[in-house]
């Protein structure tokens, strides 16, 4: 039976309407001033991570094909305008300074609105408009967004222009320059959260995109970009983030959790590998999952090397 997002929201901050992944981080206690004094107790700090994914150009709660407001049998609504209301509510409850807002990709393709700003009145034109998704996400105050495969549907020039218009980084640790094999987009984002009476908590967000881009948008990316597997790149970057002092590591991954691939053996990398990343790569606390368009309020995966639990959540799609 489909989950009614409005009812579910009343019970939890983890919801298919777009708000996902509520977690907590505890910084270490300050060292004792001397061996003669009793060590201070660790001060706990609660951080709420909000997540959306697969927005696909849904700024408003509008069905462009019916030319009417969107509705379904479960009473759900769509669009960033609704998400803004939920985000503002959570920020008011928890304190904006104690929240992190992320997205797991597929932002600028999927509705007639996004087609219009890619092809009819393109953002790449001289003096062209600002993309509505950039305007909306800037206004809401996203902290970081992972690249989705559909970000490449209109070509790299359109994606780069959208990137320029965003006031948040587009992350893609496994989107590499085909010649240098260096990241073509920022791999990670780090934010410090200040805690009264304790050292700041440093939270790192690692962005991973989908290897299938090499097939699906071959015409745009061949010879320019390459997309290795998520597990491989997470294993490279997570230790670096920890060595840089990250107290918490969150992955925003445009990759489902099923461990399957729609493209078979055309690529040596798994399409839906978020759970594999959690299992195989030590040092990750939580993963915001995207790409599969399914609703997973919470999935706990045990890392095989450390035995620690990693929390995964996928907030359906279309905001």
C-alpha atoms as a PDB file:
ATOM      1  CA  UNK A   1       0.000   0.000   0.000  1.00  0.00           C
ATOM      2  CA  UNK A   2       1.495   3.391  -0.997  1.00  0.00           C
ATOM      3  CA  UNK A   3       2.832   5.549   1.805  1.00  0.00           C
ATOM      4  CA  UNK A   4       0.836   8.714   2.416  1.00  0.00           C
ATOM      5  CA  UNK A   5       3.584  11.293   2.792  1.00  0.00           C
ATOM      6  CA  UNK A   6       1.460  13.780   4.716  1.00  0.00           C
ATOM      7  CA  UNK A   7       0.596  11.236   7.413  1.00  0.00           C
ATOM      8  CA  UNK A   8       4.139   9.921   7.555  1.00  0.00           C
ATOM      9  CA  UNK A   9       5.554  13.412   7.981  1.00  0.00           C
ATOM     10  CA  UNK A  10       3.626  13.833  11.213  1.00  0.00           C
ATOM     11  CA  UNK A  11       5.502  10.887  12.703  1.00  0.00           C
ATOM     12  CA  UNK A  12       9.027  11.379  11.392  1.00  0.00           C
ATOM     13  CA  UNK A  13      11.488  13.737   9.746  1.00  0.00           C
ATOM     14  CA  UNK A  14      12.292  10.946   7.283  1.00  0.00           C
ATOM     15  CA  UNK A  15       9.741  11.259   4.497  1.00  0.00           C
ATOM     16  CA  UNK A  16       9.208  10.494   0.829  1.00  0.00           C
ATOM     17  CA  UNK A  17       8.110  14.081   0.342  1.00  0.00           C
ATOM     18  CA  UNK A  18      11.757  14.932   0.271  1.00  0.00           C
ATOM     19  CA  UNK A  19      13.004  15.273   3.849  1.00  0.00           C
ATOM     20  CA  UNK A  20      15.253  12.377   4.772  1.00  0.00           C
ATOM     21  CA  UNK A  21      18.127  11.144   6.910  1.00  0.00           C
ATOM     22  CA  UNK A  22      17.867  12.455  10.464  1.00  0.00           C
ATOM     23  CA  UNK A  23      21.130  11.711  12.295  1.00  0.00           C
ATOM     24  CA  UNK A  24      23.331  12.720  15.219  1.00  0.00           C
ATOM     25  CA  UNK A  25      27.032  13.294  15.691  1.00  0.00           C
ATOM     26  CA  UNK A  26      29.005  13.395  18.909  1.00  0.00           C
ATOM     27  CA  UNK A  27      32.341  15.243  18.974  1.00  0.00           C
ATOM     28  CA  UNK A  28      35.060  13.856  21.197  1.00  0.00           C
ATOM     29  CA  UNK A  29      35.426  15.144  24.784  1.00  0.00           C
ATOM     30  CA  UNK A  30      38.138  17.674  25.402  1.00  0.00           C
ATOM     31  CA  UNK A  31      41.240  16.180  26.931  1.00  0.00           C
ATOM     32  CA  UNK A  32      41.579  16.392  30.715  1.00  0.00           C
ATOM     33  CA  UNK A  33      43.540  19.393  31.838  1.00  0.00           C
ATOM     34  CA  UNK A  34      45.726  17.180  33.945  1.00  0.00           C
ATOM     35  CA  UNK A  35      45.961  13.595  35.090  1.00  0.00           C
ATOM     36  CA  UNK A  36      44.721  14.683  38.517  1.00  0.00           C
ATOM     37  CA  UNK A  37      41.394  15.961  37.179  1.00  0.00           C
ATOM     38  CA  UNK A  38      38.421  13.863  36.171  1.00  0.00           C
ATOM     39  CA  UNK A  39      37.987  13.866  32.373  1.00  0.00           C
ATOM     40  CA  UNK A  40      35.109  15.962  31.055  1.00  0.00           C
ATOM     41  CA  UNK A  41      32.073  14.170  29.698  1.00  0.00           C
ATOM     42  CA  UNK A  42      31.624  14.081  25.943  1.00  0.00           C
ATOM     43  CA  UNK A  43      29.146  16.707  24.727  1.00  0.00           C
ATOM     44  CA  UNK A  44      26.622  15.316  22.275  1.00  0.00           C
ATOM     45  CA  UNK A  45      25.520  17.319  19.260  1.00  0.00           C
ATOM     46  CA  UNK A  46      22.442  16.608  17.162  1.00  0.00           C
ATOM     47  CA  UNK A  47      22.645  17.298  13.436  1.00  0.00           C
ATOM     48  CA  UNK A  48      19.645  16.898  11.128  1.00  0.00           C
ATOM     49  CA  UNK A  49      20.432  16.052   7.517  1.00  0.00           C
ATOM     50  CA  UNK A  50      17.620  16.855   5.085  1.00  0.00           C
ATOM     51  CA  UNK A  51      17.632  15.266   1.651  1.00  0.00           C
ATOM     52  CA  UNK A  52      15.822  15.319  -1.677  1.00  0.00           C
ATOM     53  CA  UNK A  53      16.569  13.473  -4.872  1.00  0.00           C
ATOM     54  CA  UNK A  54      15.444  13.107  -8.485  1.00  0.00           C
ATOM     55  CA  UNK A  55      13.644  16.444  -8.542  1.00  0.00           C
ATOM     56  CA  UNK A  56      13.517  16.318 -12.359  1.00  0.00           C
ATOM     57  CA  UNK A  57      12.552  19.939 -12.806  1.00  0.00           C
ATOM     58  CA  UNK A  58       9.576  19.936 -10.443  1.00  0.00           C
ATOM     59  CA  UNK A  59       9.581  23.460  -9.065  1.00  0.00           C
ATOM     60  CA  UNK A  60       5.820  23.587  -8.543  1.00  0.00           C
ATOM     61  CA  UNK A  61       3.060  21.094  -7.759  1.00  0.00           C
ATOM     62  CA  UNK A  62       2.013  21.061 -11.401  1.00  0.00           C
ATOM     63  CA  UNK A  63       1.211  18.372 -13.961  1.00  0.00           C
ATOM     64  CA  UNK A  64       2.289  19.914 -17.259  1.00  0.00           C
ATOM     65  CA  UNK A  65       0.591  17.248 -19.347  1.00  0.00           C
ATOM     66  CA  UNK A  66      -2.793  17.672 -17.651  1.00  0.00           C
ATOM     67  CA  UNK A  67      -2.238  21.420 -17.226  1.00  0.00           C
ATOM     68  CA  UNK A  68      -3.476  21.161 -13.659  1.00  0.00           C
ATOM     69  CA  UNK A  69      -2.206  20.738 -10.111  1.00  0.00           C
ATOM     70  CA  UNK A  70      -0.633  17.347  -9.471  1.00  0.00           C
ATOM     71  CA  UNK A  71      -2.476  14.912  -7.255  1.00  0.00           C
ATOM     72  CA  UNK A  72      -2.540  11.158  -6.697  1.00  0.00           C
ATOM     73  CA  UNK A  73      -4.624   8.635  -4.795  1.00  0.00           C
ATOM     74  CA  UNK A  74      -2.360   8.882  -1.742  1.00  0.00           C
ATOM     75  CA  UNK A  75      -2.866  12.626  -1.507  1.00  0.00           C
ATOM     76  CA  UNK A  76       0.751  13.462  -2.299  1.00  0.00           C
ATOM     77  CA  UNK A  77       2.005  16.721  -3.744  1.00  0.00           C
ATOM     78  CA  UNK A  78       5.176  17.499  -5.687  1.00  0.00           C
ATOM     79  CA  UNK A  79       7.592  20.332  -6.210  1.00  0.00           C
ATOM     80  CA  UNK A  80      10.252  22.398  -4.501  1.00  0.00           C
ATOM     81  CA  UNK A  81       7.658  24.957  -3.408  1.00  0.00           C
ATOM     82  CA  UNK A  82       6.220  22.302  -1.060  1.00  0.00           C
ATOM     83  CA  UNK A  83       9.686  21.122  -0.039  1.00  0.00           C
ATOM     84  CA  UNK A  84      10.562  24.680   0.946  1.00  0.00           C
ATOM     85  CA  UNK A  85       7.711  24.663   3.460  1.00  0.00           C
ATOM     86  CA  UNK A  86       8.880  21.379   5.006  1.00  0.00           C
ATOM     87  CA  UNK A  87      12.512  22.479   5.129  1.00  0.00           C
ATOM     88  CA  UNK A  88      11.594  25.766   6.798  1.00  0.00           C
ATOM     89  CA  UNK A  89       9.564  23.874   9.397  1.00  0.00           C
ATOM     90  CA  UNK A  90      12.398  21.490  10.264  1.00  0.00           C
ATOM     91  CA  UNK A  91      14.922  24.340  10.382  1.00  0.00           C
ATOM     92  CA  UNK A  92      12.670  26.239  12.772  1.00  0.00           C
ATOM     93  CA  UNK A  93      12.285  23.176  15.007  1.00  0.00           C
ATOM     94  CA  UNK A  94      15.946  22.096  15.040  1.00  0.00           C
ATOM     95  CA  UNK A  95      17.703  25.408  14.342  1.00  0.00           C
ATOM     96  CA  UNK A  96      18.984  26.227  10.881  1.00  0.00           C
ATOM     97  CA  UNK A  97      22.535  26.154  12.212  1.00  0.00           C
ATOM     98  CA  UNK A  98      21.966  22.477  13.099  1.00  0.00           C
ATOM     99  CA  UNK A  99      20.727  21.313   9.705  1.00  0.00           C
ATOM    100  CA  UNK A 100      22.300  20.263   6.413  1.00  0.00           C
ATOM    101  CA  UNK A 101      20.287  20.228   3.163  1.00  0.00           C
ATOM    102  CA  UNK A 102      21.439  17.901   0.362  1.00  0.00           C
ATOM    103  CA  UNK A 103      20.195  16.486  -2.939  1.00  0.00           C
ATOM    104  CA  UNK A 104      21.227  13.300  -4.741  1.00  0.00           C
ATOM    105  CA  UNK A 105      20.865  14.448  -8.336  1.00  0.00           C
ATOM    106  CA  UNK A 106      18.746  14.463 -11.513  1.00  0.00           C
ATOM    107  CA  UNK A 107      17.749  18.083 -11.268  1.00  0.00           C
ATOM    108  CA  UNK A 108      17.603  19.790 -14.675  1.00  0.00           C
ATOM    109  CA  UNK A 109      15.708  17.280 -16.832  1.00  0.00           C
ATOM    110  CA  UNK A 110      12.251  15.781 -16.680  1.00  0.00           C
ATOM    111  CA  UNK A 111       9.527  18.375 -17.310  1.00  0.00           C
ATOM    112  CA  UNK A 112       8.563  20.729 -20.159  1.00  0.00           C
ATOM    113  CA  UNK A 113       9.925  23.481 -17.912  1.00  0.00           C
ATOM    114  CA  UNK A 114      13.438  22.060 -17.994  1.00  0.00           C
ATOM    115  CA  UNK A 115      13.229  21.410 -21.739  1.00  0.00           C
ATOM    116  CA  UNK A 116      12.216  25.040 -22.292  1.00  0.00           C
ATOM    117  CA  UNK A 117      15.264  26.382 -20.479  1.00  0.00           C
ATOM    118  CA  UNK A 118      17.575  23.969 -22.271  1.00  0.00           C
ATOM    119  CA  UNK A 119      16.249  24.315 -25.827  1.00  0.00           C
ATOM    120  CA  UNK A 120      13.707  27.128 -26.299  1.00  0.00           C
ATOM    121  CA  UNK A 121      15.063  29.916 -24.090  1.00  0.00           C
ATOM    122  CA  UNK A 122      18.378  28.305 -23.180  1.00  0.00           C
ATOM    123  CA  UNK A 123      20.365  29.354 -20.148  1.00  0.00           C
ATOM    124  CA  UNK A 124      23.494  29.064 -22.318  1.00  0.00           C
ATOM    125  CA  UNK A 125      22.467  31.935 -24.603  1.00  0.00           C
ATOM    126  CA  UNK A 126      24.202  35.296 -24.242  1.00  0.00           C
ATOM    127  CA  UNK A 127      22.248  37.162 -21.593  1.00  0.00           C
ATOM    128  CA  UNK A 128      20.124  34.069 -21.109  1.00  0.00           C
ATOM    129  CA  UNK A 129      17.901  33.392 -18.111  1.00  0.00           C
ATOM    130  CA  UNK A 130      18.778  31.825 -14.785  1.00  0.00           C
ATOM    131  CA  UNK A 131      17.526  28.249 -14.634  1.00  0.00           C
ATOM    132  CA  UNK A 132      14.359  27.987 -12.472  1.00  0.00           C
ATOM    133  CA  UNK A 133      15.854  25.030 -10.598  1.00  0.00           C
ATOM    134  CA  UNK A 134      18.908  27.114  -9.706  1.00  0.00           C
ATOM    135  CA  UNK A 135      16.691  29.977  -8.557  1.00  0.00           C
ATOM    136  CA  UNK A 136      14.496  27.711  -6.435  1.00  0.00           C
ATOM    137  CA  UNK A 137      17.309  25.690  -4.867  1.00  0.00           C
ATOM    138  CA  UNK A 138      19.324  28.839  -4.149  1.00  0.00           C
ATOM    139  CA  UNK A 139      16.302  30.398  -2.464  1.00  0.00           C
ATOM    140  CA  UNK A 140      15.717  27.307  -0.311  1.00  0.00           C
ATOM    141  CA  UNK A 141      19.387  27.214   0.634  1.00  0.00           C
ATOM    142  CA  UNK A 142      20.780  23.850  -0.432  1.00  0.00           C
ATOM    143  CA  UNK A 143      24.240  23.102   0.926  1.00  0.00           C
ATOM    144  CA  UNK A 144      25.384  20.635  -1.754  1.00  0.00           C
ATOM    145  CA  UNK A 145      23.960  18.553  -4.613  1.00  0.00           C
ATOM    146  CA  UNK A 146      25.323  15.391  -6.222  1.00  0.00           C
ATOM    147  CA  UNK A 147      25.345  15.085  -9.992  1.00  0.00           C
ATOM    148  CA  UNK A 148      22.702  12.806 -11.498  1.00  0.00           C
ATOM    149  CA  UNK A 149      22.954  11.078 -14.848  1.00  0.00           C
ATOM    150  CA  UNK A 150      20.207  13.287 -16.309  1.00  0.00           C
ATOM    151  CA  UNK A 151      22.318  16.369 -15.608  1.00  0.00           C
ATOM    152  CA  UNK A 152      24.206  15.425 -18.783  1.00  0.00           C
ATOM    153  CA  UNK A 153      21.159  15.010 -21.061  1.00  0.00           C
ATOM    154  CA  UNK A 154      21.458  18.496 -22.549  1.00  0.00           C
ATOM    155  CA  UNK A 155      25.234  18.491 -22.862  1.00  0.00           C
ATOM    156  CA  UNK A 156      28.144  19.633 -20.753  1.00  0.00           C
ATOM    157  CA  UNK A 157      27.760  23.314 -21.715  1.00  0.00           C
ATOM    158  CA  UNK A 158      24.247  23.451 -20.246  1.00  0.00           C
ATOM    159  CA  UNK A 159      25.387  21.634 -17.111  1.00  0.00           C
ATOM    160  CA  UNK A 160      28.332  23.995 -16.615  1.00  0.00           C
ATOM    161  CA  UNK A 161      26.079  27.023 -17.012  1.00  0.00           C
ATOM    162  CA  UNK A 162      23.659  25.597 -14.455  1.00  0.00           C
ATOM    163  CA  UNK A 163      26.626  24.973 -12.155  1.00  0.00           C
ATOM    164  CA  UNK A 164      27.660  28.627 -12.490  1.00  0.00           C
ATOM    165  CA  UNK A 165      24.157  29.748 -11.521  1.00  0.00           C
ATOM    166  CA  UNK A 166      24.010  27.641  -8.360  1.00  0.00           C
ATOM    167  CA  UNK A 167      25.102  28.950  -4.966  1.00  0.00           C
ATOM    168  CA  UNK A 168      26.005  25.430  -3.870  1.00  0.00           C
ATOM    169  CA  UNK A 169      28.502  22.908  -5.267  1.00  0.00           C
ATOM    170  CA  UNK A 170      27.567  20.157  -7.727  1.00  0.00           C
ATOM    171  CA  UNK A 171      29.519  17.162  -6.435  1.00  0.00           C
ATOM    172  CA  UNK A 172      30.863  14.252  -8.460  1.00  0.00           C
ATOM    173  CA  UNK A 173      33.930  12.451  -7.095  1.00  0.00           C
ATOM    174  CA  UNK A 174      33.654   9.834  -9.849  1.00  0.00           C
ATOM    175  CA  UNK A 175      33.101  12.271 -12.726  1.00  0.00           C
ATOM    176  CA  UNK A 176      36.657  12.502 -14.006  1.00  0.00           C
ATOM    177  CA  UNK A 177      38.390  14.338 -16.816  1.00  0.00           C
ATOM    178  CA  UNK A 178      39.036  11.670 -19.445  1.00  0.00           C
ATOM    179  CA  UNK A 179      42.601  12.868 -20.094  1.00  0.00           C
ATOM    180  CA  UNK A 180      43.909  13.752 -16.643  1.00  0.00           C
ATOM    181  CA  UNK A 181      41.646  11.395 -14.633  1.00  0.00           C
ATOM    182  CA  UNK A 182      41.252  14.189 -12.106  1.00  0.00           C
ATOM    183  CA  UNK A 183      37.821  15.213 -10.798  1.00  0.00           C
ATOM    184  CA  UNK A 184      35.966  17.398 -13.283  1.00  0.00           C
ATOM    185  CA  UNK A 185      33.613  18.574 -10.514  1.00  0.00           C
ATOM    186  CA  UNK A 186      34.158  19.120  -6.784  1.00  0.00           C
ATOM    187  CA  UNK A 187      34.377  15.689  -5.113  1.00  0.00           C
ATOM    188  CA  UNK A 188      33.272  16.821  -1.677  1.00  0.00           C
ATOM    189  CA  UNK A 189      31.941  19.611   0.502  1.00  0.00           C
ATOM    190  CA  UNK A 190      32.884  20.248   4.141  1.00  0.00           C
ATOM    191  CA  UNK A 191      30.900  22.316   6.617  1.00  0.00           C
ATOM    192  CA  UNK A 192      31.698  23.148  10.228  1.00  0.00           C
ATOM    193  CA  UNK A 193      28.927  23.188  12.799  1.00  0.00           C
ATOM    194  CA  UNK A 194      29.711  25.196  15.906  1.00  0.00           C
ATOM    195  CA  UNK A 195      28.865  23.651  19.271  1.00  0.00           C
ATOM    196  CA  UNK A 196      28.676  25.789  22.402  1.00  0.00           C
ATOM    197  CA  UNK A 197      31.308  24.700  24.879  1.00  0.00           C
ATOM    198  CA  UNK A 198      32.913  22.149  22.563  1.00  0.00           C
ATOM    199  CA  UNK A 199      35.061  21.993  19.431  1.00  0.00           C
ATOM    200  CA  UNK A 200      33.189  22.433  16.131  1.00  0.00           C
ATOM    201  CA  UNK A 201      31.836  19.360  14.365  1.00  0.00           C
ATOM    202  CA  UNK A 202      33.200  18.971  10.851  1.00  0.00           C
ATOM    203  CA  UNK A 203      30.801  17.252   8.425  1.00  0.00           C
ATOM    204  CA  UNK A 204      32.004  16.091   5.020  1.00  0.00           C
ATOM    205  CA  UNK A 205      29.666  15.329   2.113  1.00  0.00           C
ATOM    206  CA  UNK A 206      31.026  13.125  -0.672  1.00  0.00           C
ATOM    207  CA  UNK A 207      29.135  13.257  -3.964  1.00  0.00           C
ATOM    208  CA  UNK A 208      28.984  10.259  -6.292  1.00  0.00           C
ATOM    209  CA  UNK A 209      27.209  10.013  -9.640  1.00  0.00           C
ATOM    210  CA  UNK A 210      26.182   7.120 -11.859  1.00  0.00           C
ATOM    211  CA  UNK A 211      28.638   5.193 -14.085  1.00  0.00           C
ATOM    212  CA  UNK A 212      25.854   4.630 -16.621  1.00  0.00           C
ATOM    213  CA  UNK A 213      26.346   8.173 -17.917  1.00  0.00           C
ATOM    214  CA  UNK A 214      29.134   6.758 -20.087  1.00  0.00           C
ATOM    215  CA  UNK A 215      26.452   4.798 -21.996  1.00  0.00           C
ATOM    216  CA  UNK A 216      23.335   6.937 -21.701  1.00  0.00           C
ATOM    217  CA  UNK A 217      25.009  10.221 -22.697  1.00  0.00           C
ATOM    218  CA  UNK A 218      27.896   8.828 -24.709  1.00  0.00           C
ATOM    219  CA  UNK A 219      27.417  11.466 -27.416  1.00  0.00           C
ATOM    220  CA  UNK A 220      28.194  14.241 -24.923  1.00  0.00           C
ATOM    221  CA  UNK A 221      30.807  12.693 -22.631  1.00  0.00           C
ATOM    222  CA  UNK A 222      32.887  10.284 -24.718  1.00  0.00           C
ATOM    223  CA  UNK A 223      36.524  11.404 -24.749  1.00  0.00           C
ATOM    224  CA  UNK A 224      35.747  14.199 -22.292  1.00  0.00           C
ATOM    225  CA  UNK A 225      34.618  12.548 -19.070  1.00  0.00           C
ATOM    226  CA  UNK A 226      34.876   9.107 -17.545  1.00  0.00           C
ATOM    227  CA  UNK A 227      32.829   7.634 -14.712  1.00  0.00           C
ATOM    228  CA  UNK A 228      34.461   4.902 -12.591  1.00  0.00           C
ATOM    229  CA  UNK A 229      32.591   2.898  -9.963  1.00  0.00           C
ATOM    230  CA  UNK A 230      31.184   4.371  -6.777  1.00  0.00           C
ATOM    231  CA  UNK A 231      32.833   1.813  -4.491  1.00  0.00           C
ATOM    232  CA  UNK A 232      36.265   2.510  -5.970  1.00  0.00           C
ATOM    233  CA  UNK A 233      36.013   6.273  -5.630  1.00  0.00           C
ATOM    234  CA  UNK A 234      34.427   6.190  -2.183  1.00  0.00           C
ATOM    235  CA  UNK A 235      37.303   3.975  -0.997  1.00  0.00           C
ATOM    236  CA  UNK A 236      39.689   6.638  -2.302  1.00  0.00           C
ATOM    237  CA  UNK A 237      37.992   9.718  -0.877  1.00  0.00           C
ATOM    238  CA  UNK A 238      36.498   8.704   2.478  1.00  0.00           C
ATOM    239  CA  UNK A 239      39.918   8.107   4.116  1.00  0.00           C
ATOM    240  CA  UNK A 240      41.043  11.486   2.784  1.00  0.00           C
ATOM    241  CA  UNK A 241      38.025  13.183   4.311  1.00  0.00           C
ATOM    242  CA  UNK A 242      38.665  11.504   7.660  1.00  0.00           C
ATOM    243  CA  UNK A 243      42.331  12.554   7.513  1.00  0.00           C
ATOM    244  CA  UNK A 244      41.159  16.122   6.892  1.00  0.00           C
ATOM    245  CA  UNK A 245      39.380  15.996  10.234  1.00  0.00           C
ATOM    246  CA  UNK A 246      35.844  15.048   9.231  1.00  0.00           C
ATOM    247  CA  UNK A 247      33.890  13.922  12.291  1.00  0.00           C
ATOM    248  CA  UNK A 248      30.950  12.791  10.155  1.00  0.00           C
ATOM    249  CA  UNK A 249      30.940  11.582   6.540  1.00  0.00           C
ATOM    250  CA  UNK A 250      27.710  11.628   4.554  1.00  0.00           C
ATOM    251  CA  UNK A 251      27.584  10.347   0.968  1.00  0.00           C
ATOM    252  CA  UNK A 252      25.110  11.760  -1.538  1.00  0.00           C
ATOM    253  CA  UNK A 253      24.942   9.071  -4.216  1.00  0.00           C
ATOM    254  CA  UNK A 254      22.981   9.058  -7.456  1.00  0.00           C
ATOM    255  CA  UNK A 255      22.801   5.303  -7.357  1.00  0.00           C
ATOM    256  CA  UNK A 256      20.124   2.945  -6.063  1.00  0.00           C
ATOM    257  CA  UNK A 257      20.604   0.343  -3.362  1.00  0.00           C
ATOM    258  CA  UNK A 258      19.612  -2.872  -5.174  1.00  0.00           C
ATOM    259  CA  UNK A 259      23.076  -3.896  -6.382  1.00  0.00           C
ATOM    260  CA  UNK A 260      21.765  -4.358  -9.934  1.00  0.00           C
ATOM    261  CA  UNK A 261      22.477  -2.739 -13.308  1.00  0.00           C
ATOM    262  CA  UNK A 262      20.112  -2.076 -16.199  1.00  0.00           C
ATOM    263  CA  UNK A 263      23.030  -2.130 -18.641  1.00  0.00           C
ATOM    264  CA  UNK A 264      24.214  -5.652 -17.847  1.00  0.00           C
ATOM    265  CA  UNK A 265      27.898  -6.194 -18.514  1.00  0.00           C
ATOM    266  CA  UNK A 266      28.360  -3.194 -20.801  1.00  0.00           C
ATOM    267  CA  UNK A 267      30.261  -1.525 -17.945  1.00  0.00           C
ATOM    268  CA  UNK A 268      32.362  -3.086 -15.184  1.00  0.00           C
ATOM    269  CA  UNK A 269      30.665  -0.845 -12.615  1.00  0.00           C
ATOM    270  CA  UNK A 270      27.390  -1.422 -10.773  1.00  0.00           C
ATOM    271  CA  UNK A 271      24.589   1.026 -11.530  1.00  0.00           C
ATOM    272  CA  UNK A 272      22.756   0.747  -8.194  1.00  0.00           C
ATOM    273  CA  UNK A 273      25.616   0.366  -5.727  1.00  0.00           C
ATOM    274  CA  UNK A 274      24.764   2.577  -2.727  1.00  0.00           C
ATOM    275  CA  UNK A 275      24.376  -0.410  -0.385  1.00  0.00           C
ATOM    276  CA  UNK A 276      27.635  -1.898  -1.702  1.00  0.00           C
ATOM    277  CA  UNK A 277      29.408   1.362  -0.870  1.00  0.00           C
ATOM    278  CA  UNK A 278      28.014   1.161   2.663  1.00  0.00           C
ATOM    279  CA  UNK A 279      29.093  -2.472   3.012  1.00  0.00           C
ATOM    280  CA  UNK A 280      32.578  -2.149   1.559  1.00  0.00           C
ATOM    281  CA  UNK A 281      33.904   1.306   2.437  1.00  0.00           C
ATOM    282  CA  UNK A 282      34.703   2.042   6.112  1.00  0.00           C
ATOM    283  CA  UNK A 283      34.174   5.486   7.565  1.00  0.00           C
ATOM    284  CA  UNK A 284      30.752   6.401   6.144  1.00  0.00           C
ATOM    285  CA  UNK A 285      27.978   7.378   8.542  1.00  0.00           C
ATOM    286  CA  UNK A 286      25.009   7.817   6.200  1.00  0.00           C
ATOM    287  CA  UNK A 287      24.110   7.752   2.504  1.00  0.00           C
ATOM    288  CA  UNK A 288      21.441   9.806   0.753  1.00  0.00           C
ATOM    289  CA  UNK A 289      20.350   7.537  -2.099  1.00  0.00           C
ATOM    290  CA  UNK A 290      18.962   8.557  -5.488  1.00  0.00           C
ATOM    291  CA  UNK A 291      18.353   7.353  -9.042  1.00  0.00           C
ATOM    292  CA  UNK A 292      15.980   4.422  -8.426  1.00  0.00           C
ATOM    293  CA  UNK A 293      12.824   6.466  -7.735  1.00  0.00           C
ATOM    294  CA  UNK A 294      11.827   4.327  -4.761  1.00  0.00           C
ATOM    295  CA  UNK A 295      10.909   5.309  -1.239  1.00  0.00           C
ATOM    296  CA  UNK A 296      13.207   3.977   1.483  1.00  0.00           C
ATOM    297  CA  UNK A 297      12.687   5.839   4.772  1.00  0.00           C
ATOM    298  CA  UNK A 298      15.547   3.935   6.406  1.00  0.00           C
ATOM    299  CA  UNK A 299      17.834   1.073   5.414  1.00  0.00           C
ATOM    300  CA  UNK A 300      20.568  -0.027   7.807  1.00  0.00           C
ATOM    301  CA  UNK A 301      23.625  -1.672   6.260  1.00  0.00           C
ATOM    302  CA  UNK A 302      26.509  -3.184   8.225  1.00  0.00           C
ATOM    303  CA  UNK A 303      29.998  -2.374   7.022  1.00  0.00           C
ATOM    304  CA  UNK A 304      31.820  -5.686   6.624  1.00  0.00           C
ATOM    305  CA  UNK A 305      35.199  -4.287   7.693  1.00  0.00           C
ATOM    306  CA  UNK A 306      34.206  -2.360  10.815  1.00  0.00           C
ATOM    307  CA  UNK A 307      30.874  -3.847  11.838  1.00  0.00           C
ATOM    308  CA  UNK A 308      29.431  -0.343  12.092  1.00  0.00           C
ATOM    309  CA  UNK A 309      25.936   0.496  10.885  1.00  0.00           C
ATOM    310  CA  UNK A 310      25.483   2.856   7.943  1.00  0.00           C
ATOM    311  CA  UNK A 311      22.069   4.481   7.512  1.00  0.00           C
ATOM    312  CA  UNK A 312      20.682   4.799   3.971  1.00  0.00           C
ATOM    313  CA  UNK A 313      17.567   6.684   2.901  1.00  0.00           C
ATOM    314  CA  UNK A 314      15.977   7.390  -0.478  1.00  0.00           C
ATOM    315  CA  UNK A 315      13.195  10.012  -0.604  1.00  0.00           C
ATOM    316  CA  UNK A 316      11.353   8.770  -3.716  1.00  0.00           C
ATOM    317  CA  UNK A 317      11.372  11.436  -6.493  1.00  0.00           C
ATOM    318  CA  UNK A 318       9.906  14.675  -7.893  1.00  0.00           C
ATOM    319  CA  UNK A 319      10.094  16.402  -4.477  1.00  0.00           C
END
